[in-house]
Every structure is written in C-alpha cells, then in structure tokens.
Amino acid sequence: MSEESQQLDNSVIAELQNRDHSSLAQQMDELTCEHSDIIELLAQYQVLSEQDDDEKFDTWYDNLCEDKMKVLKGFEIYRAHYEQLETVNKP
C-alpha cells in the first residue's frame, strides 16, 4: 500500500470516528471479542446477507451474543458513514 493511499485511509477513518457522536467506539474497545472473532463474524455476515435464505440469516443473527451484535451495529453505522462520505466526495 502506498504512503498516499495509507494517508487517505487514515483520514477516512478519522472522519468516520469524528462523525460517531455516540459511545459506540468506546463500547467496541470494551468487547470480549478477539480480532479473529470479528473477522469471522463479518465474513459470515457478508456471506449470509448475500444469500436468499432469510430464515438461515435470521437464525444465525438471533443466536449472536451481545458483543457480536454490538460489532455488527458498529459495522453498519461506520459503513453508512463511509458510504455517505463516498457519495459526498465523488467528483
């Protein structure tokens, strides 16, 4: 990754964090999930949400622990902010 790309990524993350006025970021730091747990969770979420089997997704989602639910909530909030930034910053 180039230095310019890394700086852009860091500025996007900083902007996202500035837009998050809730206690969500602090809650994420207090989770019992390991990084590998979060990566696996997001991979499962992406794969299951792209399938047409709503019942399978709902069952998976309903069985998540509270910490994993917080991770998904945080992910969705940050993703929405990022998508909004991308829309605003398009030439």
PDB file of N, CA and C in Angstrom:
ATOM      1  N   MET A   1       0.855  -1.171   0.000  1.00  0.00           N
ATOM      2  CA  MET A   1       0.000   0.000   0.000  1.00  0.00           C
ATOM      3  C   MET A   1       0.900   1.233   0.000  1.00  0.00           C
ATOM      4  N   SER A   2       0.618   2.160  -0.876  1.00  0.00           N
ATOM      5  CA  SER A   2       1.434   3.368  -0.960  1.00  0.00           C
ATOM      6  C   SER A   2       1.182   4.278   0.239  1.00  0.00           C
ATOM      7  N   GLU A   3       2.138   5.168   0.477  1.00  0.00           N
ATOM      8  CA  GLU A   3       2.000   6.105   1.605  1.00  0.00           C
ATOM      9  C   GLU A   3       0.786   7.014   1.412  1.00  0.00           C
ATOM     10  N   GLU A   4       0.572   7.449   0.162  1.00  0.00           N
ATOM     11  CA  GLU A   4      -0.582   8.316  -0.126  1.00  0.00           C
ATOM     12  C   GLU A   4      -1.892   7.585   0.145  1.00  0.00           C
ATOM     13  N   SER A   5      -1.958   6.323  -0.248  1.00  0.00           N
ATOM     14  CA  SER A   5      -3.160   5.525  -0.007  1.00  0.00           C
ATOM     15  C   SER A   5      -3.385   5.319   1.488  1.00  0.00           C
ATOM     16  N   GLN A   6      -2.303   5.066   2.227  1.00  0.00           N
ATOM     17  CA  GLN A   6      -2.393   4.879   3.676  1.00  0.00           C
ATOM     18  C   GLN A   6      -2.890   6.157   4.347  1.00  0.00           C
ATOM     19  N   GLN A   7      -2.404   7.313   3.905  1.00  0.00           N
ATOM     20  CA  GLN A   7      -2.848   8.583   4.479  1.00  0.00           C
ATOM     21  C   GLN A   7      -4.327   8.810   4.191  1.00  0.00           C
ATOM     22  N   LEU A   8      -4.770   8.463   2.988  1.00  0.00           N
ATOM     23  CA  LEU A   8      -6.181   8.592   2.634  1.00  0.00           C
ATOM     24  C   LEU A   8      -7.032   7.698   3.526  1.00  0.00           C
ATOM     25  N   ASP A   9      -6.593   6.445   3.694  1.00  0.00           N
ATOM     26  CA  ASP A   9      -7.318   5.522   4.565  1.00  0.00           C
ATOM     27  C   ASP A   9      -7.404   6.056   5.984  1.00  0.00           C
ATOM     28  N   ASN A  10      -6.303   6.589   6.495  1.00  0.00           N
ATOM     29  CA  ASN A  10      -6.289   7.134   7.852  1.00  0.00           C
ATOM     30  C   ASN A  10      -7.207   8.345   7.974  1.00  0.00           C
ATOM     31  N   SER A  11      -7.259   9.185   6.949  1.00  0.00           N
ATOM     32  CA  SER A  11      -8.125  10.365   7.017  1.00  0.00           C
ATOM     33  C   SER A  11      -9.602   9.963   6.952  1.00  0.00           C
ATOM     34  N   VAL A  12      -9.903   8.920   6.180  1.00  0.00           N
ATOM     35  CA  VAL A  12     -11.285   8.438   6.121  1.00  0.00           C
ATOM     36  C   VAL A  12     -11.700   7.877   7.479  1.00  0.00           C
ATOM     37  N   ILE A  13     -10.845   7.079   8.093  1.00  0.00           N
ATOM     38  CA  ILE A  13     -11.145   6.515   9.412  1.00  0.00           C
ATOM     39  C   ILE A  13     -11.312   7.633  10.438  1.00  0.00           C
ATOM     40  N   ALA A  14     -10.443   8.630  10.409  1.00  0.00           N
ATOM     41  CA  ALA A  14     -10.555   9.755  11.345  1.00  0.00           C
ATOM     42  C   ALA A  14     -11.871  10.484  11.151  1.00  0.00           C
ATOM     43  N   GLU A  15     -12.267  10.699   9.903  1.00  0.00           N
ATOM     44  CA  GLU A  15     -13.537  11.367   9.625  1.00  0.00           C
ATOM     45  C   GLU A  15     -14.715  10.535  10.137  1.00  0.00           C
ATOM     46  N   LEU A  16     -14.646   9.232   9.935  1.00  0.00           N
ATOM     47  CA  LEU A  16     -15.718   8.359  10.427  1.00  0.00           C
ATOM     48  C   LEU A  16     -15.807   8.425  11.955  1.00  0.00           C
ATOM     49  N   GLN A  17     -14.666   8.414  12.609  1.00  0.00           N
ATOM     50  CA  GLN A  17     -14.673   8.483  14.067  1.00  0.00           C
ATOM     51  C   GLN A  17     -15.202   9.824  14.550  1.00  0.00           C
ATOM     52  N   ASN A  18     -14.904  10.889  13.850  1.00  0.00           N
ATOM     53  CA  ASN A  18     -15.416  12.210  14.219  1.00  0.00           C
ATOM     54  C   ASN A  18     -16.926  12.286  14.061  1.00  0.00           C
ATOM     55  N   ARG A  19     -17.481  11.552  13.124  1.00  0.00           N
ATOM     56  CA  ARG A  19     -18.922  11.578  12.889  1.00  0.00           C
ATOM     57  C   ARG A  19     -19.693  10.722  13.888  1.00  0.00           C
ATOM     58  N   ASP A  20     -19.010   9.821  14.557  1.00  0.00           N
ATOM     59  CA  ASP A  20     -19.663   8.934  15.510  1.00  0.00           C
ATOM     60  C   ASP A  20     -19.738   9.631  16.864  1.00  0.00           C
ATOM     61  N   HIS A  21     -20.859  10.252  17.135  1.00  0.00           N
ATOM     62  CA  HIS A  21     -21.015  11.003  18.377  1.00  0.00           C
ATOM     63  C   HIS A  21     -21.612  10.157  19.497  1.00  0.00           C
ATOM     64  N   SER A  22     -21.793   8.882  19.233  1.00  0.00           N
ATOM     65  CA  SER A  22     -22.327   8.006  20.271  1.00  0.00           C
ATOM     66  C   SER A  22     -21.175   7.406  21.070  1.00  0.00           C
ATOM     67  N   SER A  23     -21.520   6.587  21.992  1.00  0.00           N
ATOM     68  CA  SER A  23     -20.497   5.898  22.784  1.00  0.00           C
ATOM     69  C   SER A  23     -20.093   4.586  22.113  1.00  0.00           C
ATOM     70  N   LEU A  24     -20.466   4.431  20.850  1.00  0.00           N
ATOM     71  CA  LEU A  24     -20.227   3.176  20.138  1.00  0.00           C
ATOM     72  C   LEU A  24     -18.742   2.809  20.075  1.00  0.00           C
ATOM     73  N   ALA A  25     -17.886   3.756  19.738  1.00  0.00           N
ATOM     74  CA  ALA A  25     -16.455   3.462  19.636  1.00  0.00           C
ATOM     75  C   ALA A  25     -15.915   2.964  20.977  1.00  0.00           C
ATOM     76  N   GLN A  26     -16.334   3.583  22.056  1.00  0.00           N
ATOM     77  CA  GLN A  26     -15.882   3.152  23.378  1.00  0.00           C
ATOM     78  C   GLN A  26     -16.398   1.748  23.685  1.00  0.00           C
ATOM     79  N   GLN A  27     -17.631   1.471  23.313  1.00  0.00           N
ATOM     80  CA  GLN A  27     -18.191   0.143  23.538  1.00  0.00           C
ATOM     81  C   GLN A  27     -17.398  -0.920  22.787  1.00  0.00           C
ATOM     82  N   MET A  28     -16.937  -0.596  21.591  1.00  0.00           N
ATOM     83  CA  MET A  28     -16.165  -1.552  20.797  1.00  0.00           C
ATOM     84  C   MET A  28     -14.857  -1.910  21.480  1.00  0.00           C
ATOM     85  N   ASP A  29     -14.250  -0.940  22.144  1.00  0.00           N
ATOM     86  CA  ASP A  29     -12.976  -1.182  22.813  1.00  0.00           C
ATOM     87  C   ASP A  29     -13.125  -2.077  24.044  1.00  0.00           C
ATOM     88  N   GLU A  30     -14.332  -2.203  24.557  1.00  0.00           N
ATOM     89  CA  GLU A  30     -14.568  -2.982  25.768  1.00  0.00           C
ATOM     90  C   GLU A  30     -15.098  -4.386  25.497  1.00  0.00           C
ATOM     91  N   LEU A  31     -15.180  -4.780  24.233  1.00  0.00           N
ATOM     92  CA  LEU A  31     -15.739  -6.082  23.876  1.00  0.00           C
ATOM     93  C   LEU A  31     -14.806  -7.226  24.236  1.00  0.00           C
ATOM     94  N   THR A  32     -15.397  -8.384  24.421  1.00  0.00           N
ATOM     95  CA  THR A  32     -14.613  -9.575  24.716  1.00  0.00           C
ATOM     96  C   THR A  32     -14.216 -10.322  23.446  1.00  0.00           C
ATOM     97  N   CYS A  33     -14.623  -9.846  22.285  1.00  0.00           N
ATOM     98  CA  CYS A  33     -14.295 -10.490  21.014  1.00  0.00           C
ATOM     99  C   CYS A  33     -12.826 -10.260  20.663  1.00  0.00           C
ATOM    100  N   GLU A  34     -12.206 -11.292  20.119  1.00  0.00           N
ATOM    101  CA  GLU A  34     -10.848 -11.178  19.587  1.00  0.00           C
ATOM    102  C   GLU A  34     -10.943 -10.689  18.145  1.00  0.00           C
ATOM    103  N   HIS A  35      -9.835 -10.194  17.617  1.00  0.00           N
ATOM    104  CA  HIS A  35      -9.825  -9.720  16.237  1.00  0.00           C
ATOM    105  C   HIS A  35     -10.251 -10.815  15.265  1.00  0.00           C
ATOM    106  N   SER A  36      -9.783 -12.031  15.494  1.00  0.00           N
ATOM    107  CA  SER A  36     -10.152 -13.130  14.599  1.00  0.00           C
ATOM    108  C   SER A  36     -11.649 -13.419  14.686  1.00  0.00           C
ATOM    109  N   ASP A  37     -12.244 -13.253  15.865  1.00  0.00           N
ATOM    110  CA  ASP A  37     -13.690 -13.428  16.024  1.00  0.00           C
ATOM    111  C   ASP A  37     -14.449 -12.405  15.182  1.00  0.00           C
ATOM    112  N   ILE A  38     -13.959 -11.175  15.193  1.00  0.00           N
ATOM    113  CA  ILE A  38     -14.622 -10.095  14.457  1.00  0.00           C
ATOM    114  C   ILE A  38     -14.504 -10.320  12.955  1.00  0.00           C
ATOM    115  N   ILE A  39     -13.322 -10.746  12.507  1.00  0.00           N
ATOM    116  CA  ILE A  39     -13.141 -11.029  11.081  1.00  0.00           C
ATOM    117  C   ILE A  39     -14.073 -12.151  10.645  1.00  0.00           C
ATOM    118  N   GLU A  40     -14.148 -13.205  11.425  1.00  0.00           N
ATOM    119  CA  GLU A  40     -15.040 -14.331  11.100  1.00  0.00           C
ATOM    120  C   GLU A  40     -16.497 -13.876  11.110  1.00  0.00           C
ATOM    121  N   LEU A  41     -16.876 -13.082  12.087  1.00  0.00           N
ATOM    122  CA  LEU A  41     -18.236 -12.566  12.185  1.00  0.00           C
ATOM    123  C   LEU A  41     -18.617 -11.768  10.948  1.00  0.00           C
ATOM    124  N   LEU A  42     -17.754 -10.845  10.534  1.00  0.00           N
ATOM    125  CA  LEU A  42     -18.060 -10.009   9.370  1.00  0.00           C
ATOM    126  C   LEU A  42     -18.088 -10.825   8.089  1.00  0.00           C
ATOM    127  N   ALA A  43     -17.242 -11.831   7.985  1.00  0.00           N
ATOM    128  CA  ALA A  43     -17.267 -12.708   6.809  1.00  0.00           C
ATOM    129  C   ALA A  43     -18.587 -13.486   6.763  1.00  0.00           C
ATOM    130  N   GLN A  44     -18.993 -14.038   7.898  1.00  0.00           N
ATOM    131  CA  GLN A  44     -20.271 -14.758   7.958  1.00  0.00           C
ATOM    132  C   GLN A  44     -21.426 -13.822   7.620  1.00  0.00           C
ATOM    133  N   TYR A  45     -21.396 -12.638   8.177  1.00  0.00           N
ATOM    134  CA  TYR A  45     -22.444 -11.652   7.933  1.00  0.00           C
ATOM    135  C   TYR A  45     -22.565 -11.332   6.447  1.00  0.00           C
ATOM    136  N   GLN A  46     -21.430 -11.095   5.817  1.00  0.00           N
ATOM    137  CA  GLN A  46     -21.454 -10.759   4.392  1.00  0.00           C
ATOM    138  C   GLN A  46     -21.994 -11.916   3.566  1.00  0.00           C
ATOM    139  N   VAL A  47     -21.511 -13.115   3.801  1.00  0.00           N
ATOM    140  CA  VAL A  47     -21.943 -14.275   3.019  1.00  0.00           C
ATOM    141  C   VAL A  47     -23.427 -14.554   3.246  1.00  0.00           C
ATOM    142  N   LEU A  48     -23.858 -14.574   4.488  1.00  0.00           N
ATOM    143  CA  LEU A  48     -25.258 -14.891   4.785  1.00  0.00           C
ATOM    144  C   LEU A  48     -26.211 -13.798   4.310  1.00  0.00           C
ATOM    145  N   SER A  49     -25.797 -12.547   4.372  1.00  0.00           N
ATOM    146  CA  SER A  49     -26.685 -11.459   3.952  1.00  0.00           C
ATOM    147  C   SER A  49     -26.831 -11.401   2.438  1.00  0.00           C
ATOM    148  N   GLU A  50     -25.893 -11.994   1.710  1.00  0.00           N
ATOM    149  CA  GLU A  50     -25.975 -12.008   0.245  1.00  0.00           C
ATOM    150  C   GLU A  50     -26.790 -13.183  -0.276  1.00  0.00           C
ATOM    151  N   GLN A  51     -27.133 -14.126   0.580  1.00  0.00           N
ATOM    152  CA  GLN A  51     -27.927 -15.278   0.168  1.00  0.00           C
ATOM    153  C   GLN A  51     -29.411 -14.932   0.219  1.00  0.00           C
ATOM    154  N   ASP A  52     -30.194 -15.735  -0.451  1.00  0.00           N
ATOM    155  CA  ASP A  52     -31.641 -15.513  -0.485  1.00  0.00           C
ATOM    156  C   ASP A  52     -32.378 -16.236   0.639  1.00  0.00           C
ATOM    157  N   ASP A  53     -31.652 -16.876   1.524  1.00  0.00           N
ATOM    158  CA  ASP A  53     -32.263 -17.655   2.604  1.00  0.00           C
ATOM    159  C   ASP A  53     -32.397 -16.791   3.857  1.00  0.00           C
ATOM    160  N   ASP A  54     -33.499 -16.036   3.932  1.00  0.00           N
ATOM    161  CA  ASP A  54     -33.720 -15.141   5.069  1.00  0.00           C
ATOM    162  C   ASP A  54     -33.821 -15.890   6.390  1.00  0.00           C
ATOM    163  N   GLU A  55     -34.404 -17.082   6.350  1.00  0.00           N
ATOM    164  CA  GLU A  55     -34.560 -17.862   7.578  1.00  0.00           C
ATOM    165  C   GLU A  55     -33.198 -18.270   8.142  1.00  0.00           C
ATOM    166  N   LYS A  56     -32.295 -18.670   7.265  1.00  0.00           N
ATOM    167  CA  LYS A  56     -30.942 -19.049   7.704  1.00  0.00           C
ATOM    168  C   LYS A  56     -30.231 -17.844   8.311  1.00  0.00           C
ATOM    169  N   PHE A  57     -30.339 -16.677   7.662  1.00  0.00           N
ATOM    170  CA  PHE A  57     -29.725 -15.458   8.186  1.00  0.00           C
ATOM    171  C   PHE A  57     -30.339 -15.096   9.537  1.00  0.00           C
ATOM    172  N   ASP A  58     -31.660 -15.123   9.625  1.00  0.00           N
ATOM    173  CA  ASP A  58     -32.344 -14.755  10.870  1.00  0.00           C
ATOM    174  C   ASP A  58     -31.940 -15.664  12.022  1.00  0.00           C
ATOM    175  N   THR A  59     -31.831 -16.955  11.757  1.00  0.00           N
ATOM    176  CA  THR A  59     -31.427 -17.904  12.797  1.00  0.00           C
ATOM    177  C   THR A  59     -30.011 -17.601  13.271  1.00  0.00           C
ATOM    178  N   TRP A  60     -29.117 -17.363  12.320  1.00  0.00           N
ATOM    179  CA  TRP A  60     -27.732 -17.021  12.663  1.00  0.00           C
ATOM    180  C   TRP A  60     -27.698 -15.730  13.487  1.00  0.00           C
ATOM    181  N   TYR A  61     -28.392 -14.722  13.012  1.00  0.00           N
ATOM    182  CA  TYR A  61     -28.408 -13.417  13.670  1.00  0.00           C
ATOM    183  C   TYR A  61     -28.989 -13.508  15.079  1.00  0.00           C
ATOM    184  N   ASP A  62     -30.082 -14.238  15.236  1.00  0.00           N
ATOM    185  CA  ASP A  62     -30.738 -14.373  16.539  1.00  0.00           C
ATOM    186  C   ASP A  62     -29.871 -15.089  17.567  1.00  0.00           C
ATOM    187  N   ASN A  63     -28.899 -15.873  17.105  1.00  0.00           N
ATOM    188  CA  ASN A  63     -28.045 -16.632  18.018  1.00  0.00           C
ATOM    189  C   ASN A  63     -26.727 -15.942  18.335  1.00  0.00           C
ATOM    190  N   LEU A  64     -26.557 -14.707  17.886  1.00  0.00           N
ATOM    191  CA  LEU A  64     -25.330 -13.974  18.185  1.00  0.00           C
ATOM    192  C   LEU A  64     -25.327 -13.506  19.639  1.00  0.00           C
ATOM    193  N   CYS A  65     -24.148 -13.490  20.226  1.00  0.00           N
ATOM    194  CA  CYS A  65     -24.030 -12.956  21.588  1.00  0.00           C
ATOM    195  C   CYS A  65     -24.108 -11.425  21.524  1.00  0.00           C
ATOM    196  N   GLU A  66     -24.275 -10.817  22.664  1.00  0.00           N
ATOM    197  CA  GLU A  66     -24.446  -9.359  22.738  1.00  0.00           C
ATOM    198  C   GLU A  66     -23.247  -8.605  22.153  1.00  0.00           C
ATOM    199  N   ASP A  67     -22.033  -9.076  22.435  1.00  0.00           N
ATOM    200  CA  ASP A  67     -20.849  -8.398  21.915  1.00  0.00           C
ATOM    201  C   ASP A  67     -20.799  -8.447  20.392  1.00  0.00           C
ATOM    202  N   LYS A  68     -21.146  -9.574  19.813  1.00  0.00           N
ATOM    203  CA  LYS A  68     -21.137  -9.681  18.348  1.00  0.00           C
ATOM    204  C   LYS A  68     -22.231  -8.818  17.732  1.00  0.00           C
ATOM    205  N   MET A  69     -23.352  -8.684  18.420  1.00  0.00           N
ATOM    206  CA  MET A  69     -24.408  -7.785  17.940  1.00  0.00           C
ATOM    207  C   MET A  69     -23.890  -6.340  17.927  1.00  0.00           C
ATOM    208  N   LYS A  70     -23.138  -5.960  18.953  1.00  0.00           N
ATOM    209  CA  LYS A  70     -22.569  -4.615  19.011  1.00  0.00           C
ATOM    210  C   LYS A  70     -21.591  -4.388  17.858  1.00  0.00           C
ATOM    211  N   VAL A  71     -20.798  -5.416  17.554  1.00  0.00           N
ATOM    212  CA  VAL A  71     -19.850  -5.296  16.444  1.00  0.00           C
ATOM    213  C   VAL A  71     -20.603  -5.060  15.144  1.00  0.00           C
ATOM    214  N   LEU A  72     -21.664  -5.825  14.899  1.00  0.00           N
ATOM    215  CA  LEU A  72     -22.440  -5.649  13.664  1.00  0.00           C
ATOM    216  C   LEU A  72     -23.101  -4.276  13.613  1.00  0.00           C
ATOM    217  N   LYS A  73     -23.610  -3.826  14.737  1.00  0.00           N
ATOM    218  CA  LYS A  73     -24.219  -2.493  14.786  1.00  0.00           C
ATOM    219  C   LYS A  73     -23.179  -1.427  14.460  1.00  0.00           C
ATOM    220  N   GLY A  74     -22.011  -1.548  15.074  1.00  0.00           N
ATOM    221  CA  GLY A  74     -20.932  -0.602  14.802  1.00  0.00           C
ATOM    222  C   GLY A  74     -20.499  -0.645  13.351  1.00  0.00           C
ATOM    223  N   PHE A  75     -20.398  -1.839  12.808  1.00  0.00           N
ATOM    224  CA  PHE A  75     -20.017  -2.003  11.406  1.00  0.00           C
ATOM    225  C   PHE A  75     -21.015  -1.320  10.491  1.00  0.00           C
ATOM    226  N   GLU A  76     -22.294  -1.524  10.732  1.00  0.00           N
ATOM    227  CA  GLU A  76     -23.331  -0.920   9.893  1.00  0.00           C
ATOM    228  C   GLU A  76     -23.325   0.611  10.004  1.00  0.00           C
ATOM    229  N   ILE A  77     -23.099   1.130  11.182  1.00  0.00           N
ATOM    230  CA  ILE A  77     -23.056   2.583  11.365  1.00  0.00           C
ATOM    231  C   ILE A  77     -21.847   3.162  10.628  1.00  0.00           C
ATOM    232  N   TYR A  78     -20.691   2.546  10.818  1.00  0.00           N
ATOM    233  CA  TYR A  78     -19.492   3.042  10.136  1.00  0.00           C
ATOM    234  C   TYR A  78     -19.614   2.877   8.624  1.00  0.00           C
ATOM    235  N   ARG A  79     -20.203   1.793   8.179  1.00  0.00           N
ATOM    236  CA  ARG A  79     -20.385   1.590   6.742  1.00  0.00           C
ATOM    237  C   ARG A  79     -21.295   2.665   6.167  1.00  0.00           C
ATOM    238  N   ALA A  80     -22.359   2.996   6.863  1.00  0.00           N
ATOM    239  CA  ALA A  80     -23.272   4.044   6.396  1.00  0.00           C
ATOM    240  C   ALA A  80     -22.557   5.392   6.323  1.00  0.00           C
ATOM    241  N   HIS A  81     -21.754   5.704   7.340  1.00  0.00           N
ATOM    242  CA  HIS A  81     -20.985   6.951   7.312  1.00  0.00           C
ATOM    243  C   HIS A  81     -20.006   6.953   6.138  1.00  0.00           C
ATOM    244  N   TYR A  82     -19.338   5.824   5.933  1.00  0.00           N
ATOM    245  CA  TYR A  82     -18.367   5.725   4.852  1.00  0.00           C
ATOM    246  C   TYR A  82     -19.048   5.885   3.494  1.00  0.00           C
ATOM    247  N   GLU A  83     -20.194   5.236   3.313  1.00  0.00           N
ATOM    248  CA  GLU A  83     -20.922   5.368   2.052  1.00  0.00           C
ATOM    249  C   GLU A  83     -21.367   6.804   1.827  1.00  0.00           C
ATOM    250  N   GLN A  84     -21.760   7.483   2.894  1.00  0.00           N
ATOM    251  CA  GLN A  84     -22.154   8.885   2.787  1.00  0.00           C
ATOM    252  C   GLN A  84     -20.952   9.745   2.393  1.00  0.00           C
ATOM    253  N   LEU A  85     -19.786   9.475   2.993  1.00  0.00           N
ATOM    254  CA  LEU A  85     -18.569  10.203   2.634  1.00  0.00           C
ATOM    255  C   LEU A  85     -18.210   9.982   1.171  1.00  0.00           C
ATOM    256  N   GLU A  86     -18.332   8.756   0.727  1.00  0.00           N
ATOM    257  CA  GLU A  86     -18.006   8.425  -0.676  1.00  0.00           C
ATOM    258  C   GLU A  86     -18.931   9.170  -1.631  1.00  0.00           C
ATOM    259  N   THR A  87     -20.205   9.283  -1.276  1.00  0.00           N
ATOM    260  CA  THR A  87     -21.171   9.993  -2.121  1.00  0.00           C
ATOM    261  C   THR A  87     -20.844  11.472  -2.180  1.00  0.00           C
ATOM    262  N   VAL A  88     -20.497  12.059  -1.055  1.00  0.00           N
ATOM    263  CA  VAL A  88     -20.176  13.490  -0.976  1.00  0.00           C
ATOM    264  C   VAL A  88     -18.868  13.792  -1.706  1.00  0.00           C
ATOM    265  N   ASN A  89     -17.890  12.903  -1.617  1.00  0.00           N
ATOM    266  CA  ASN A  89     -16.556  13.150  -2.165  1.00  0.00           C
ATOM    267  C   ASN A  89     -16.407  12.757  -3.630  1.00  0.00           C
ATOM    268  N   LYS A  90     -17.449  12.214  -4.250  1.00  0.00           N
ATOM    269  CA  LYS A  90     -17.345  11.845  -5.670  1.00  0.00           C
ATOM    270  C   LYS A  90     -17.300  13.111  -6.519  1.00  0.00           C
ATOM    271  N   PRO A  91     -16.410  13.111  -7.514  1.00  0.00           N
ATOM    272  CA  PRO A  91     -16.302  14.305  -8.388  1.00  0.00           C
ATOM    273  C   PRO A  91     -17.489  14.470  -9.297  1.00  0.00           C
TER     274      PRO A  91
END
